[in-house]
């Protein structure tokens, strides 16, 4: 009985060990259509890493086939959905070099924007009240904005353009808040010139956001503490004019939410 059980286990293990090799042999004889269909099914099931391997295998066997461009885009998307931004972005950069005249370049810019948008947003808000503002640098958010801006500028009629525009509006507010947080930090630390520079940057770079009121308020305080009474009064008049025009006070702008909540844009 013991001998029979050992023989049974031996055959079972041998059969299991041969399965991957059999699958590989089967895929080596599959057509491009079959390999692509398999990879797409794996992506639909959330098996993104397996899909990437199958797509790469298909590319190596059919480098100039009908799926040459689409497979590379799918690889980038699979890495993005798996939460691996670095290989996703490098795949997109490689796509642009290989297919500089592709009709899918608007999608490439859109996906690059999404990858950077999703990558930094969680960490940005998780550290918003746990880290000195001057220590944070939202590089990914700026990269996301730049990709979306290229998209709407170069391909204004793209199917992705409208969503990109909405995300850009949110990113502008987020980046303006970041600058206000840093300016406020400098103001509290007594670095009044640095606070002025940051606040003035908000007026120049983000003039359409509500954070301009916060920037003016910071400038009023910084000028006052630097003993520049005339500049403080002039800035206060500009601030009062803005408040009279739309009724929004500086203390309200930092926490005021947009009509469309940020989480609406998180899913592709």
Protein backbone atom coordinates (compact mmCIF):
# COMPACT_ATOMS: atom_id res chain seq x y z
CA UNK A 1 0.00 0.00 0.00
CA UNK A 2 2.82 2.35 0.98
CA UNK A 3 4.65 1.49 -2.26
CA UNK A 4 1.52 2.15 -4.35
CA UNK A 5 1.01 5.53 -2.68
CA UNK A 6 4.62 6.53 -3.38
CA UNK A 7 4.26 5.57 -7.05
CA UNK A 8 0.99 7.53 -7.30
CA UNK A 9 2.60 10.67 -5.82
CA UNK A 10 5.58 10.31 -8.14
CA UNK A 11 3.37 10.24 -11.22
CA UNK A 12 1.27 13.13 -9.92
CA UNK A 13 4.32 15.32 -9.35
CA UNK A 14 5.71 14.42 -12.74
CA UNK A 15 2.47 15.37 -14.42
CA UNK A 16 2.27 18.68 -12.58
CA UNK A 17 5.85 19.58 -13.39
CA UNK A 18 5.21 18.99 -17.08
CA UNK A 19 2.20 21.33 -17.27
CA UNK A 20 4.10 24.63 -17.69
CA UNK A 21 6.32 23.08 -20.35
CA UNK A 22 3.26 21.75 -22.15
CA UNK A 23 1.62 25.17 -21.99
CA UNK A 24 4.78 26.76 -23.36
CA UNK A 25 4.88 24.22 -26.19
CA UNK A 26 1.25 24.94 -26.97
CA UNK A 27 1.85 28.72 -27.01
CA UNK A 28 4.88 28.29 -29.27
CA UNK A 29 2.55 26.89 -31.93
CA UNK A 30 -0.25 29.39 -31.36
CA UNK A 31 -1.06 32.11 -33.87
CA UNK A 32 -0.81 35.81 -33.07
CA UNK A 33 -4.60 35.99 -32.81
CA UNK A 34 -4.66 33.13 -30.31
CA UNK A 35 -1.88 34.57 -28.17
CA UNK A 36 -3.46 38.00 -28.15
CA UNK A 37 -6.88 36.61 -27.24
CA UNK A 38 -5.32 34.68 -24.37
CA UNK A 39 -3.54 37.77 -23.05
CA UNK A 40 -6.72 39.87 -23.27
CA UNK A 41 -8.65 37.21 -21.34
CA UNK A 42 -5.97 37.24 -18.65
CA UNK A 43 -6.21 41.01 -18.37
CA UNK A 44 -9.98 40.80 -17.98
CA UNK A 45 -9.44 38.29 -15.15
CA UNK A 46 -6.94 40.62 -13.45
CA UNK A 47 -3.97 38.35 -14.27
CA UNK A 48 -1.87 41.30 -15.41
CA UNK A 49 1.57 39.77 -14.89
CA UNK A 50 0.66 36.68 -16.92
CA UNK A 51 -0.84 38.90 -19.59
CA UNK A 52 2.42 40.88 -19.82
CA UNK A 53 4.41 37.67 -20.28
CA UNK A 54 2.10 36.42 -23.01
CA UNK A 55 2.09 39.77 -24.79
CA UNK A 56 5.88 39.92 -24.67
CA UNK A 57 6.05 36.35 -26.00
CA UNK A 58 3.74 37.33 -28.84
CA UNK A 59 5.89 40.37 -29.63
CA UNK A 60 9.03 38.27 -29.81
CA UNK A 61 7.37 35.83 -32.22
CA UNK A 62 5.46 38.39 -34.30
CA UNK A 63 7.42 41.68 -34.00
CA UNK A 64 5.86 43.17 -37.14
CA UNK A 65 2.43 41.64 -36.91
CA UNK A 66 -0.94 43.33 -36.71
CA UNK A 67 -0.73 43.50 -32.90
CA UNK A 68 2.75 45.06 -32.72
CA UNK A 69 1.55 48.45 -31.52
CA UNK A 70 -1.50 47.33 -29.56
CA UNK A 71 0.44 44.71 -27.61
CA UNK A 72 2.89 47.31 -26.36
CA UNK A 73 0.07 49.60 -25.28
CA UNK A 74 -1.60 46.68 -23.51
CA UNK A 75 1.65 45.87 -21.71
CA UNK A 76 1.86 49.45 -20.42
CA UNK A 77 -1.78 49.34 -19.31
CA UNK A 78 -1.29 45.97 -17.58
CA UNK A 79 1.70 47.29 -15.62
CA UNK A 80 -0.36 50.36 -14.68
CA UNK A 81 -3.27 48.26 -13.41
CA UNK A 82 -0.85 46.04 -11.50
CA UNK A 83 0.44 49.12 -9.67
CA UNK A 84 3.87 49.16 -11.35
CA UNK A 85 4.28 52.71 -12.71
CA UNK A 86 7.98 52.50 -13.64
CA UNK A 87 7.72 49.69 -16.24
CA UNK A 88 4.43 51.17 -17.48
CA UNK A 89 6.04 54.57 -18.18
CA UNK A 90 9.18 53.05 -19.72
CA UNK A 91 6.99 50.94 -22.03
CA UNK A 92 5.14 54.07 -23.17
CA UNK A 93 8.40 55.93 -23.78
CA UNK A 94 9.64 53.00 -25.85
CA UNK A 95 6.38 53.01 -27.81
CA UNK A 96 6.83 56.68 -28.75
CA UNK A 97 10.36 55.99 -30.00
CA UNK A 98 9.28 52.99 -32.06
CA UNK A 99 6.03 54.45 -33.41
CA UNK A 100 6.44 58.24 -33.49
CA UNK A 101 3.61 58.66 -36.02
CA UNK A 102 1.14 56.29 -34.40
CA UNK A 103 -2.53 57.20 -34.25
CA UNK A 104 -2.49 56.14 -30.59
CA UNK A 105 -0.21 58.90 -29.32
CA UNK A 106 -3.14 60.68 -27.69
CA UNK A 107 -3.82 57.53 -25.67
CA UNK A 108 -0.13 57.31 -24.75
CA UNK A 109 -0.24 60.84 -23.30
CA UNK A 110 -3.50 60.09 -21.52
CA UNK A 111 -2.14 56.91 -19.94
CA UNK A 112 1.08 58.68 -18.88
CA UNK A 113 -1.06 61.32 -17.22
CA UNK A 114 -3.15 58.68 -15.45
CA UNK A 115 -0.14 56.74 -14.22
CA UNK A 116 1.44 59.81 -12.61
CA UNK A 117 -1.95 61.05 -11.38
CA UNK A 118 -2.71 57.83 -9.50
CA UNK A 119 0.87 57.18 -8.39
CA UNK A 120 1.37 60.29 -6.28
CA UNK A 121 -2.13 61.17 -5.12
CA UNK A 122 -2.39 58.58 -2.33
CA UNK A 123 1.01 59.42 -0.89
CA UNK A 124 0.36 63.14 -1.27
CA UNK A 125 -2.81 63.13 0.81
CA UNK A 126 -1.54 60.54 3.30
CA UNK A 127 1.34 62.86 4.20
CA UNK A 128 -0.52 66.16 3.90
CA UNK A 129 -0.76 66.64 7.68
CA UNK A 130 2.14 64.41 8.76
CA UNK A 131 5.13 66.02 7.04
CA UNK A 132 6.59 69.49 6.76
CA UNK A 133 5.25 70.99 3.53
CA UNK A 134 8.73 72.06 2.42
CA UNK A 135 9.81 68.39 2.37
CA UNK A 136 7.22 67.36 -0.23
CA UNK A 137 7.70 67.75 -3.96
CA UNK A 138 4.75 66.62 -6.10
CA UNK A 139 6.88 65.68 -9.11
CA UNK A 140 4.42 63.06 -10.33
CA UNK A 141 1.50 65.49 -10.15
CA UNK A 142 3.39 67.98 -12.32
CA UNK A 143 4.32 65.22 -14.74
CA UNK A 144 0.66 64.22 -14.88
CA UNK A 145 -0.40 67.78 -15.61
CA UNK A 146 2.23 68.14 -18.34
CA UNK A 147 1.06 64.93 -20.06
CA UNK A 148 -2.59 66.00 -19.96
CA UNK A 149 -1.66 69.48 -21.20
CA UNK A 150 0.20 67.98 -24.18
CA UNK A 151 -2.82 65.82 -24.91
CA UNK A 152 -5.39 68.65 -24.97
CA UNK A 153 -3.00 70.93 -26.88
CA UNK A 154 -1.95 68.46 -29.58
CA UNK A 155 -5.15 66.43 -29.79
CA UNK A 156 -8.03 68.70 -28.70
CA UNK A 157 -10.60 66.46 -30.41
CA UNK A 158 -9.34 63.24 -28.83
CA UNK A 159 -11.84 61.07 -26.99
CA UNK A 160 -9.60 61.45 -23.92
CA UNK A 161 -9.30 65.24 -24.06
CA UNK A 162 -12.35 66.14 -21.97
CA UNK A 163 -11.40 63.87 -19.10
CA UNK A 164 -7.85 65.21 -19.29
CA UNK A 165 -9.16 68.78 -19.00
CA UNK A 166 -11.14 67.92 -15.87
CA UNK A 167 -8.13 66.23 -14.30
CA UNK A 168 -6.01 69.27 -15.14
CA UNK A 169 -8.42 71.49 -13.22
CA UNK A 170 -8.08 69.28 -10.18
CA UNK A 171 -4.29 69.12 -10.52
CA UNK A 172 -4.04 72.93 -10.72
CA UNK A 173 -5.92 73.28 -7.43
CA UNK A 174 -3.82 70.56 -5.80
CA UNK A 175 -0.54 72.12 -6.93
CA UNK A 176 -1.69 75.58 -5.85
CA UNK A 177 -2.58 74.20 -2.40
CA UNK A 178 0.86 72.66 -2.22
CA UNK A 179 2.50 76.03 -2.87
CA UNK A 180 0.23 77.74 -0.32
CA UNK A 181 1.15 75.11 2.28
CA UNK A 182 4.85 75.79 1.70
CA UNK A 183 4.37 79.57 1.76
CA UNK A 184 2.45 79.26 5.06
CA UNK A 185 5.23 77.08 6.45
CA UNK A 186 7.84 79.71 5.58
CA UNK A 187 5.65 82.44 7.07
CA UNK A 188 5.37 80.56 10.37
CA UNK A 189 9.13 80.04 10.44
CA UNK A 190 9.82 83.74 9.89
CA UNK A 191 11.23 83.23 6.38
CA UNK A 192 9.18 86.12 5.03
CA UNK A 193 11.02 86.63 1.72
CA UNK A 194 10.69 82.93 0.91
CA UNK A 195 6.98 83.10 1.80
CA UNK A 196 6.56 86.07 -0.52
CA UNK A 197 8.26 84.27 -3.38
CA UNK A 198 6.05 81.20 -3.01
CA UNK A 199 2.88 83.28 -2.73
CA UNK A 200 3.77 85.35 -5.77
CA UNK A 201 4.40 82.12 -7.65
CA UNK A 202 0.80 81.08 -7.01
CA UNK A 203 -0.43 84.35 -8.55
CA UNK A 204 1.72 83.77 -11.63
CA UNK A 205 1.35 79.99 -12.12
CA UNK A 206 -2.19 79.38 -10.83
CA UNK A 207 -4.11 82.64 -11.40
CA UNK A 208 -7.44 80.90 -12.04
CA UNK A 209 -7.53 79.03 -8.71
CA UNK A 210 -9.15 80.17 -5.50
CA UNK A 211 -5.77 79.85 -3.75
CA UNK A 212 -4.82 83.29 -5.10
CA UNK A 213 -6.70 84.77 -2.11
CA UNK A 214 -4.58 82.75 0.27
CA UNK A 215 -1.49 83.91 -1.58
CA UNK A 216 -2.50 87.56 -1.24
CA UNK A 217 -3.19 87.11 2.46
CA UNK A 218 0.24 85.57 2.98
CA UNK A 219 1.81 88.47 1.10
CA UNK A 220 -0.01 90.99 3.29
CA UNK A 221 1.32 89.33 6.43
CA UNK A 222 4.84 88.93 5.05
CA UNK A 223 5.05 92.57 3.94
CA UNK A 224 3.75 93.70 7.33
CA UNK A 225 6.36 91.70 9.21
CA UNK A 226 9.09 92.96 6.92
CA UNK A 227 8.03 96.53 7.72
CA UNK A 228 6.89 97.25 4.15
CA UNK A 229 3.68 99.05 5.07
CA UNK A 230 2.95 100.52 1.63
CA UNK A 231 3.21 97.16 -0.14
CA UNK A 232 1.14 95.55 2.59
CA UNK A 233 -1.66 98.12 2.13
CA UNK A 234 -1.57 97.81 -1.67
CA UNK A 235 -1.81 94.03 -1.48
CA UNK A 236 -4.64 94.27 1.03
CA UNK A 237 -6.59 96.49 -1.38
CA UNK A 238 -6.18 93.90 -4.13
CA UNK A 239 -7.32 91.18 -1.71
CA UNK A 240 -10.35 93.22 -0.59
CA UNK A 241 -11.27 93.81 -4.23
CA UNK A 242 -11.21 90.07 -4.91
CA UNK A 243 -13.32 89.33 -1.83
CA UNK A 244 -15.87 91.99 -2.82
CA UNK A 245 -16.08 90.52 -6.32
CA UNK A 246 -16.80 86.88 -5.41
CA UNK A 247 -17.30 86.83 -1.65
CA UNK A 248 -14.61 84.18 -1.00
CA UNK A 249 -12.33 84.96 1.91
CA UNK A 250 -8.78 83.63 2.24
CA UNK A 251 -9.67 81.49 5.24
CA UNK A 252 -12.26 79.65 3.14
CA UNK A 253 -10.23 78.81 0.07
CA UNK A 254 -7.78 76.27 1.50
CA UNK A 255 -10.51 73.87 2.57
CA UNK A 256 -13.19 74.61 -0.03
CA UNK A 257 -14.01 71.54 -2.14
CA UNK A 258 -14.62 71.55 -5.87
CA UNK A 259 -18.13 70.77 -7.04
CA UNK A 260 -16.79 67.58 -8.62
CA UNK A 261 -15.06 65.47 -5.94
CA UNK A 262 -11.49 64.33 -6.58
CA UNK A 263 -12.34 60.66 -6.26
CA UNK A 264 -14.55 60.83 -9.36
CA UNK A 265 -11.42 60.79 -11.51
CA UNK A 266 -9.56 57.87 -9.98
CA UNK A 267 -10.82 55.08 -12.22
CA UNK A 268 -9.93 54.73 -15.90
